[in-house]
């Protein structure tokens, strides 16, 4: 029998089919037998490309947080924080596009996946004149903000209003929170961007190396 012109299974097709299942029915619905059925192949044939289910989940995490995140196109300069704000927004969009898979990122997203993004950002920061001793604090801080905020938002689901960062609550019982919510004119997306922006401009206006030594003397 002649070979088919194209392979029935590729790593890319496995990731795509896996995400289709998870997007539609959630992580609990995903299994190798279900994946094989959806792809029209036998379950053992999947092991030619992935060692086990965990390997597939790692590939999914790599795709969502790495491959599918668009690199911002901004020239280096004094407004360098906006490059990282744009990157954070692109990361948020990539994760929320597959919000059912977001919990898997906590377990299956090694920091190595983001190394290329770190390198690109470090090159951009250097070209923008940001002191090198601030780079690690900037990169680590942005990652922490992005992953924590976006995965938390994804786990909450899409039921809330785009303008509400809080769940429904008794306004009489929590009047000060109600006042704060009423005074806020930013959407959840805009609040996310402002969170990153505030951190970055704070770093830009401080010497992390010096201030840390003063706060925590040996």
C-alpha atoms as a PDB file:
ATOM      1  CA  UNK A   1       0.000   0.000   0.000  1.00  0.00           C
ATOM      2  CA  UNK A   2       1.320   3.423  -0.914  1.00  0.00           C
ATOM      3  CA  UNK A   3       2.093   5.865   1.880  1.00  0.00           C
ATOM      4  CA  UNK A   4      -0.295   8.793   2.303  1.00  0.00           C
ATOM      5  CA  UNK A   5       1.171  12.018   0.872  1.00  0.00           C
ATOM      6  CA  UNK A   6       1.084  13.692   4.292  1.00  0.00           C
ATOM      7  CA  UNK A   7       1.579  12.331   7.788  1.00  0.00           C
ATOM      8  CA  UNK A   8      -1.710  11.733   9.600  1.00  0.00           C
ATOM      9  CA  UNK A   9      -0.119  12.830  12.884  1.00  0.00           C
ATOM     10  CA  UNK A  10       2.220  15.716  13.511  1.00  0.00           C
ATOM     11  CA  UNK A  11       3.045  17.497  16.745  1.00  0.00           C
ATOM     12  CA  UNK A  12       1.256  20.599  15.465  1.00  0.00           C
ATOM     13  CA  UNK A  13      -1.903  18.632  14.628  1.00  0.00           C
ATOM     14  CA  UNK A  14      -1.885  16.973  18.045  1.00  0.00           C
ATOM     15  CA  UNK A  15      -1.635  20.329  19.816  1.00  0.00           C
ATOM     16  CA  UNK A  16      -4.376  21.814  17.631  1.00  0.00           C
ATOM     17  CA  UNK A  17      -6.734  18.872  18.171  1.00  0.00           C
ATOM     18  CA  UNK A  18      -6.013  18.843  21.910  1.00  0.00           C
ATOM     19  CA  UNK A  19      -6.819  22.530  22.230  1.00  0.00           C
ATOM     20  CA  UNK A  20     -10.039  22.073  20.277  1.00  0.00           C
ATOM     21  CA  UNK A  21     -11.187  19.491  22.830  1.00  0.00           C
ATOM     22  CA  UNK A  22     -10.130  21.578  25.822  1.00  0.00           C
ATOM     23  CA  UNK A  23     -11.611  24.798  24.428  1.00  0.00           C
ATOM     24  CA  UNK A  24     -14.952  23.088  23.859  1.00  0.00           C
ATOM     25  CA  UNK A  25     -15.304  20.774  26.851  1.00  0.00           C
ATOM     26  CA  UNK A  26     -12.603  21.721  29.379  1.00  0.00           C
ATOM     27  CA  UNK A  27      -9.480  20.047  30.733  1.00  0.00           C
ATOM     28  CA  UNK A  28     -11.370  17.216  32.423  1.00  0.00           C
ATOM     29  CA  UNK A  29     -12.683  16.080  29.046  1.00  0.00           C
ATOM     30  CA  UNK A  30      -9.205  15.725  27.577  1.00  0.00           C
ATOM     31  CA  UNK A  31      -7.704  12.242  27.382  1.00  0.00           C
ATOM     32  CA  UNK A  32      -5.536  10.334  24.952  1.00  0.00           C
ATOM     33  CA  UNK A  33      -8.396   8.041  23.860  1.00  0.00           C
ATOM     34  CA  UNK A  34     -10.601  11.099  23.216  1.00  0.00           C
ATOM     35  CA  UNK A  35      -7.783  12.796  21.314  1.00  0.00           C
ATOM     36  CA  UNK A  36      -7.116   9.705  19.204  1.00  0.00           C
ATOM     37  CA  UNK A  37     -10.821   9.409  18.398  1.00  0.00           C
ATOM     38  CA  UNK A  38     -11.048  13.052  17.361  1.00  0.00           C
ATOM     39  CA  UNK A  39      -7.985  12.686  15.132  1.00  0.00           C
ATOM     40  CA  UNK A  40      -9.121   9.374  13.651  1.00  0.00           C
ATOM     41  CA  UNK A  41      -5.996   7.496  14.738  1.00  0.00           C
ATOM     42  CA  UNK A  42      -5.122   4.833  17.278  1.00  0.00           C
ATOM     43  CA  UNK A  43      -4.072   5.951  20.767  1.00  0.00           C
ATOM     44  CA  UNK A  44      -0.719   4.076  20.641  1.00  0.00           C
ATOM     45  CA  UNK A  45       0.235   5.985  17.477  1.00  0.00           C
ATOM     46  CA  UNK A  46       0.326   9.197  19.519  1.00  0.00           C
ATOM     47  CA  UNK A  47       3.315   7.848  21.443  1.00  0.00           C
ATOM     48  CA  UNK A  48       5.456   8.163  18.330  1.00  0.00           C
ATOM     49  CA  UNK A  49       5.311  11.933  18.861  1.00  0.00           C
ATOM     50  CA  UNK A  50       4.708  12.375  22.606  1.00  0.00           C
ATOM     51  CA  UNK A  51       5.897  10.260  25.517  1.00  0.00           C
ATOM     52  CA  UNK A  52       2.659  10.689  27.467  1.00  0.00           C
ATOM     53  CA  UNK A  53      -0.217  13.041  28.248  1.00  0.00           C
ATOM     54  CA  UNK A  54       2.054  15.335  30.248  1.00  0.00           C
ATOM     55  CA  UNK A  55       4.246  15.831  27.197  1.00  0.00           C
ATOM     56  CA  UNK A  56       1.207  16.925  25.201  1.00  0.00           C
ATOM     57  CA  UNK A  57       0.189  19.326  27.958  1.00  0.00           C
ATOM     58  CA  UNK A  58       3.695  20.811  27.948  1.00  0.00           C
ATOM     59  CA  UNK A  59       3.459  21.322  24.190  1.00  0.00           C
ATOM     60  CA  UNK A  60       0.100  23.041  24.647  1.00  0.00           C
ATOM     61  CA  UNK A  61       1.570  25.352  27.300  1.00  0.00           C
ATOM     62  CA  UNK A  62       4.512  26.127  25.009  1.00  0.00           C
ATOM     63  CA  UNK A  63       2.145  26.970  22.164  1.00  0.00           C
ATOM     64  CA  UNK A  64      -0.166  29.213  24.204  1.00  0.00           C
ATOM     65  CA  UNK A  65       2.489  31.132  26.154  1.00  0.00           C
ATOM     66  CA  UNK A  66       5.216  31.089  23.537  1.00  0.00           C
ATOM     67  CA  UNK A  67       4.339  30.465  19.909  1.00  0.00           C
ATOM     68  CA  UNK A  68       0.983  32.257  19.877  1.00  0.00           C
ATOM     69  CA  UNK A  69       2.116  35.417  21.693  1.00  0.00           C
ATOM     70  CA  UNK A  70       2.797  38.193  19.190  1.00  0.00           C
ATOM     71  CA  UNK A  71       5.991  40.186  19.689  1.00  0.00           C
ATOM     72  CA  UNK A  72       5.268  43.934  19.898  1.00  0.00           C
ATOM     73  CA  UNK A  73       6.625  46.152  17.148  1.00  0.00           C
ATOM     74  CA  UNK A  74       7.866  49.263  18.897  1.00  0.00           C
ATOM     75  CA  UNK A  75      11.177  51.088  18.433  1.00  0.00           C
ATOM     76  CA  UNK A  76      13.478  51.401  21.477  1.00  0.00           C
ATOM     77  CA  UNK A  77      13.240  54.699  23.306  1.00  0.00           C
ATOM     78  CA  UNK A  78      12.251  56.537  26.462  1.00  0.00           C
ATOM     79  CA  UNK A  79       8.731  55.068  26.379  1.00  0.00           C
ATOM     80  CA  UNK A  80      10.201  51.539  26.667  1.00  0.00           C
ATOM     81  CA  UNK A  81       7.654  50.445  29.319  1.00  0.00           C
ATOM     82  CA  UNK A  82       4.964  50.486  26.625  1.00  0.00           C
ATOM     83  CA  UNK A  83       6.770  47.669  24.793  1.00  0.00           C
ATOM     84  CA  UNK A  84       6.346  45.424  27.822  1.00  0.00           C
ATOM     85  CA  UNK A  85       2.788  46.617  28.402  1.00  0.00           C
ATOM     86  CA  UNK A  86       2.004  45.623  24.805  1.00  0.00           C
ATOM     87  CA  UNK A  87       3.704  42.267  25.311  1.00  0.00           C
ATOM     88  CA  UNK A  88       1.665  41.692  28.466  1.00  0.00           C
ATOM     89  CA  UNK A  89      -1.563  42.478  26.628  1.00  0.00           C
ATOM     90  CA  UNK A  90      -0.599  40.076  23.834  1.00  0.00           C
ATOM     91  CA  UNK A  91       0.144  37.378  26.414  1.00  0.00           C
ATOM     92  CA  UNK A  92      -3.219  38.006  28.070  1.00  0.00           C
ATOM     93  CA  UNK A  93      -5.010  37.706  24.733  1.00  0.00           C
ATOM     94  CA  UNK A  94      -3.213  34.444  23.901  1.00  0.00           C
ATOM     95  CA  UNK A  95      -4.112  32.832  27.225  1.00  0.00           C
ATOM     96  CA  UNK A  96      -7.726  34.020  27.336  1.00  0.00           C
ATOM     97  CA  UNK A  97      -8.214  32.707  23.811  1.00  0.00           C
ATOM     98  CA  UNK A  98      -7.809  29.251  25.399  1.00  0.00           C
ATOM     99  CA  UNK A  99      -8.972  30.020  28.932  1.00  0.00           C
ATOM    100  CA  UNK A 100     -10.002  26.395  29.614  1.00  0.00           C
ATOM    101  CA  UNK A 101      -6.354  25.389  29.219  1.00  0.00           C
ATOM    102  CA  UNK A 102      -5.064  28.115  31.543  1.00  0.00           C
ATOM    103  CA  UNK A 103      -4.799  25.887  34.654  1.00  0.00           C
ATOM    104  CA  UNK A 104      -2.401  23.618  32.762  1.00  0.00           C
ATOM    105  CA  UNK A 105       0.024  26.509  32.363  1.00  0.00           C
ATOM    106  CA  UNK A 106       0.703  26.525  36.100  1.00  0.00           C
ATOM    107  CA  UNK A 107       2.013  22.971  35.977  1.00  0.00           C
ATOM    108  CA  UNK A 108       3.358  22.711  32.458  1.00  0.00           C
ATOM    109  CA  UNK A 109       4.907  26.106  31.708  1.00  0.00           C
ATOM    110  CA  UNK A 110       8.639  25.912  32.462  1.00  0.00           C
ATOM    111  CA  UNK A 111      10.444  29.239  32.502  1.00  0.00           C
ATOM    112  CA  UNK A 112      12.621  27.984  29.637  1.00  0.00           C
ATOM    113  CA  UNK A 113       9.635  28.480  27.320  1.00  0.00           C
ATOM    114  CA  UNK A 114       9.943  32.238  27.837  1.00  0.00           C
ATOM    115  CA  UNK A 115      13.713  32.530  27.396  1.00  0.00           C
ATOM    116  CA  UNK A 116      13.476  33.872  23.833  1.00  0.00           C
ATOM    117  CA  UNK A 117      10.996  36.518  24.992  1.00  0.00           C
ATOM    118  CA  UNK A 118      13.337  37.448  27.865  1.00  0.00           C
ATOM    119  CA  UNK A 119      16.250  37.793  25.471  1.00  0.00           C
ATOM    120  CA  UNK A 120      14.265  39.956  23.053  1.00  0.00           C
ATOM    121  CA  UNK A 121      13.081  42.160  25.907  1.00  0.00           C
ATOM    122  CA  UNK A 122      16.611  42.485  27.332  1.00  0.00           C
ATOM    123  CA  UNK A 123      17.914  43.571  23.923  1.00  0.00           C
ATOM    124  CA  UNK A 124      15.094  46.120  23.703  1.00  0.00           C
ATOM    125  CA  UNK A 125      15.763  47.443  27.225  1.00  0.00           C
ATOM    126  CA  UNK A 126      19.475  47.847  26.509  1.00  0.00           C
ATOM    127  CA  UNK A 127      18.775  49.644  23.234  1.00  0.00           C
ATOM    128  CA  UNK A 128      16.379  51.925  25.138  1.00  0.00           C
ATOM    129  CA  UNK A 129      19.105  52.916  27.590  1.00  0.00           C
ATOM    130  CA  UNK A 130      17.662  51.104  30.612  1.00  0.00           C
ATOM    131  CA  UNK A 131      20.495  50.287  33.072  1.00  0.00           C
ATOM    132  CA  UNK A 132      21.416  46.613  32.852  1.00  0.00           C
ATOM    133  CA  UNK A 133      21.203  46.083  36.618  1.00  0.00           C
ATOM    134  CA  UNK A 134      17.443  46.792  36.371  1.00  0.00           C
ATOM    135  CA  UNK A 135      16.752  44.264  33.631  1.00  0.00           C
ATOM    136  CA  UNK A 136      16.327  41.162  35.794  1.00  0.00           C
ATOM    137  CA  UNK A 137      13.940  42.936  38.170  1.00  0.00           C
ATOM    138  CA  UNK A 138      11.920  44.216  35.214  1.00  0.00           C
ATOM    139  CA  UNK A 139      11.679  40.865  33.427  1.00  0.00           C
ATOM    140  CA  UNK A 140      10.893  38.888  36.571  1.00  0.00           C
ATOM    141  CA  UNK A 141       8.313  41.436  37.713  1.00  0.00           C
ATOM    142  CA  UNK A 142       6.486  41.575  34.404  1.00  0.00           C
ATOM    143  CA  UNK A 143       6.361  37.780  34.212  1.00  0.00           C
ATOM    144  CA  UNK A 144       4.982  37.538  37.745  1.00  0.00           C
ATOM    145  CA  UNK A 145       2.314  40.162  37.096  1.00  0.00           C
ATOM    146  CA  UNK A 146       1.290  38.702  33.738  1.00  0.00           C
ATOM    147  CA  UNK A 147       1.089  35.054  34.712  1.00  0.00           C
ATOM    148  CA  UNK A 148      -0.566  35.694  38.060  1.00  0.00           C
ATOM    149  CA  UNK A 149      -3.126  38.182  36.772  1.00  0.00           C
ATOM    150  CA  UNK A 150      -3.981  36.426  33.515  1.00  0.00           C
ATOM    151  CA  UNK A 151      -4.304  32.919  34.936  1.00  0.00           C
ATOM    152  CA  UNK A 152      -6.450  34.271  37.756  1.00  0.00           C
ATOM    153  CA  UNK A 153      -8.671  36.051  35.238  1.00  0.00           C
ATOM    154  CA  UNK A 154      -8.908  32.941  33.077  1.00  0.00           C
ATOM    155  CA  UNK A 155      -9.917  30.772  36.038  1.00  0.00           C
ATOM    156  CA  UNK A 156     -12.713  33.211  36.910  1.00  0.00           C
ATOM    157  CA  UNK A 157     -14.250  32.563  33.510  1.00  0.00           C
ATOM    158  CA  UNK A 158     -15.908  34.986  31.138  1.00  0.00           C
ATOM    159  CA  UNK A 159     -19.057  35.612  33.153  1.00  0.00           C
ATOM    160  CA  UNK A 160     -18.099  39.009  34.566  1.00  0.00           C
ATOM    161  CA  UNK A 161     -18.583  42.308  32.839  1.00  0.00           C
ATOM    162  CA  UNK A 162     -15.525  43.665  30.991  1.00  0.00           C
ATOM    163  CA  UNK A 163     -15.792  46.661  33.315  1.00  0.00           C
ATOM    164  CA  UNK A 164     -15.938  44.712  36.580  1.00  0.00           C
ATOM    165  CA  UNK A 165     -12.813  43.394  38.266  1.00  0.00           C
ATOM    166  CA  UNK A 166     -14.855  42.135  41.221  1.00  0.00           C
ATOM    167  CA  UNK A 167     -17.672  39.619  41.612  1.00  0.00           C
ATOM    168  CA  UNK A 168     -21.183  40.748  42.504  1.00  0.00           C
ATOM    169  CA  UNK A 169     -21.390  41.838  46.129  1.00  0.00           C
ATOM    170  CA  UNK A 170     -23.758  43.477  48.626  1.00  0.00           C
ATOM    171  CA  UNK A 171     -23.102  47.188  48.220  1.00  0.00           C
ATOM    172  CA  UNK A 172     -24.636  47.977  51.602  1.00  0.00           C
ATOM    173  CA  UNK A 173     -22.316  45.540  53.357  1.00  0.00           C
ATOM    174  CA  UNK A 174     -19.209  46.735  51.476  1.00  0.00           C
ATOM    175  CA  UNK A 175     -19.846  50.449  50.889  1.00  0.00           C
ATOM    176  CA  UNK A 176     -16.202  51.483  50.538  1.00  0.00           C
ATOM    177  CA  UNK A 177     -15.549  48.790  47.947  1.00  0.00           C
ATOM    178  CA  UNK A 178     -18.660  49.934  46.115  1.00  0.00           C
ATOM    179  CA  UNK A 179     -17.341  53.490  46.141  1.00  0.00           C
ATOM    180  CA  UNK A 180     -14.008  52.338  44.736  1.00  0.00           C
ATOM    181  CA  UNK A 181     -15.719  50.339  41.986  1.00  0.00           C
ATOM    182  CA  UNK A 182     -17.934  53.285  41.061  1.00  0.00           C
ATOM    183  CA  UNK A 183     -14.919  55.600  40.865  1.00  0.00           C
ATOM    184  CA  UNK A 184     -13.024  53.280  38.546  1.00  0.00           C
ATOM    185  CA  UNK A 185     -13.456  54.062  34.858  1.00  0.00           C
ATOM    186  CA  UNK A 186     -11.090  51.380  33.505  1.00  0.00           C
ATOM    187  CA  UNK A 187     -12.044  48.045  31.990  1.00  0.00           C
ATOM    188  CA  UNK A 188     -10.479  44.813  33.278  1.00  0.00           C
ATOM    189  CA  UNK A 189      -8.120  44.882  30.298  1.00  0.00           C
ATOM    190  CA  UNK A 190      -7.137  48.480  31.000  1.00  0.00           C
ATOM    191  CA  UNK A 191      -6.586  47.725  34.687  1.00  0.00           C
ATOM    192  CA  UNK A 192      -4.265  44.901  33.664  1.00  0.00           C
ATOM    193  CA  UNK A 193      -2.252  47.251  31.444  1.00  0.00           C
ATOM    194  CA  UNK A 194      -2.096  49.880  34.193  1.00  0.00           C
ATOM    195  CA  UNK A 195      -0.833  47.278  36.669  1.00  0.00           C
ATOM    196  CA  UNK A 196       2.138  46.528  34.405  1.00  0.00           C
ATOM    197  CA  UNK A 197       2.653  50.188  33.537  1.00  0.00           C
ATOM    198  CA  UNK A 198       2.684  51.296  37.184  1.00  0.00           C
ATOM    199  CA  UNK A 199       5.261  48.655  38.066  1.00  0.00           C
ATOM    200  CA  UNK A 200       7.536  49.561  35.154  1.00  0.00           C
ATOM    201  CA  UNK A 201       7.446  53.304  35.626  1.00  0.00           C
ATOM    202  CA  UNK A 202       8.068  52.700  39.324  1.00  0.00           C
ATOM    203  CA  UNK A 203      11.191  50.716  38.462  1.00  0.00           C
ATOM    204  CA  UNK A 204      12.249  53.371  35.968  1.00  0.00           C
ATOM    205  CA  UNK A 205      12.158  56.002  38.702  1.00  0.00           C
ATOM    206  CA  UNK A 206      14.080  54.019  41.301  1.00  0.00           C
ATOM    207  CA  UNK A 207      17.411  52.265  41.626  1.00  0.00           C
ATOM    208  CA  UNK A 208      16.430  48.745  42.607  1.00  0.00           C
ATOM    209  CA  UNK A 209      19.993  47.761  43.433  1.00  0.00           C
ATOM    210  CA  UNK A 210      20.591  50.721  45.750  1.00  0.00           C
ATOM    211  CA  UNK A 211      17.207  50.820  47.436  1.00  0.00           C
ATOM    212  CA  UNK A 212      17.266  47.090  48.135  1.00  0.00           C
ATOM    213  CA  UNK A 213      20.625  47.364  49.891  1.00  0.00           C
ATOM    214  CA  UNK A 214      19.266  50.163  52.063  1.00  0.00           C
ATOM    215  CA  UNK A 215      16.072  48.311  53.009  1.00  0.00           C
ATOM    216  CA  UNK A 216      17.745  45.007  53.693  1.00  0.00           C
ATOM    217  CA  UNK A 217      21.228  45.707  55.127  1.00  0.00           C
ATOM    218  CA  UNK A 218      23.508  42.692  55.569  1.00  0.00           C
END
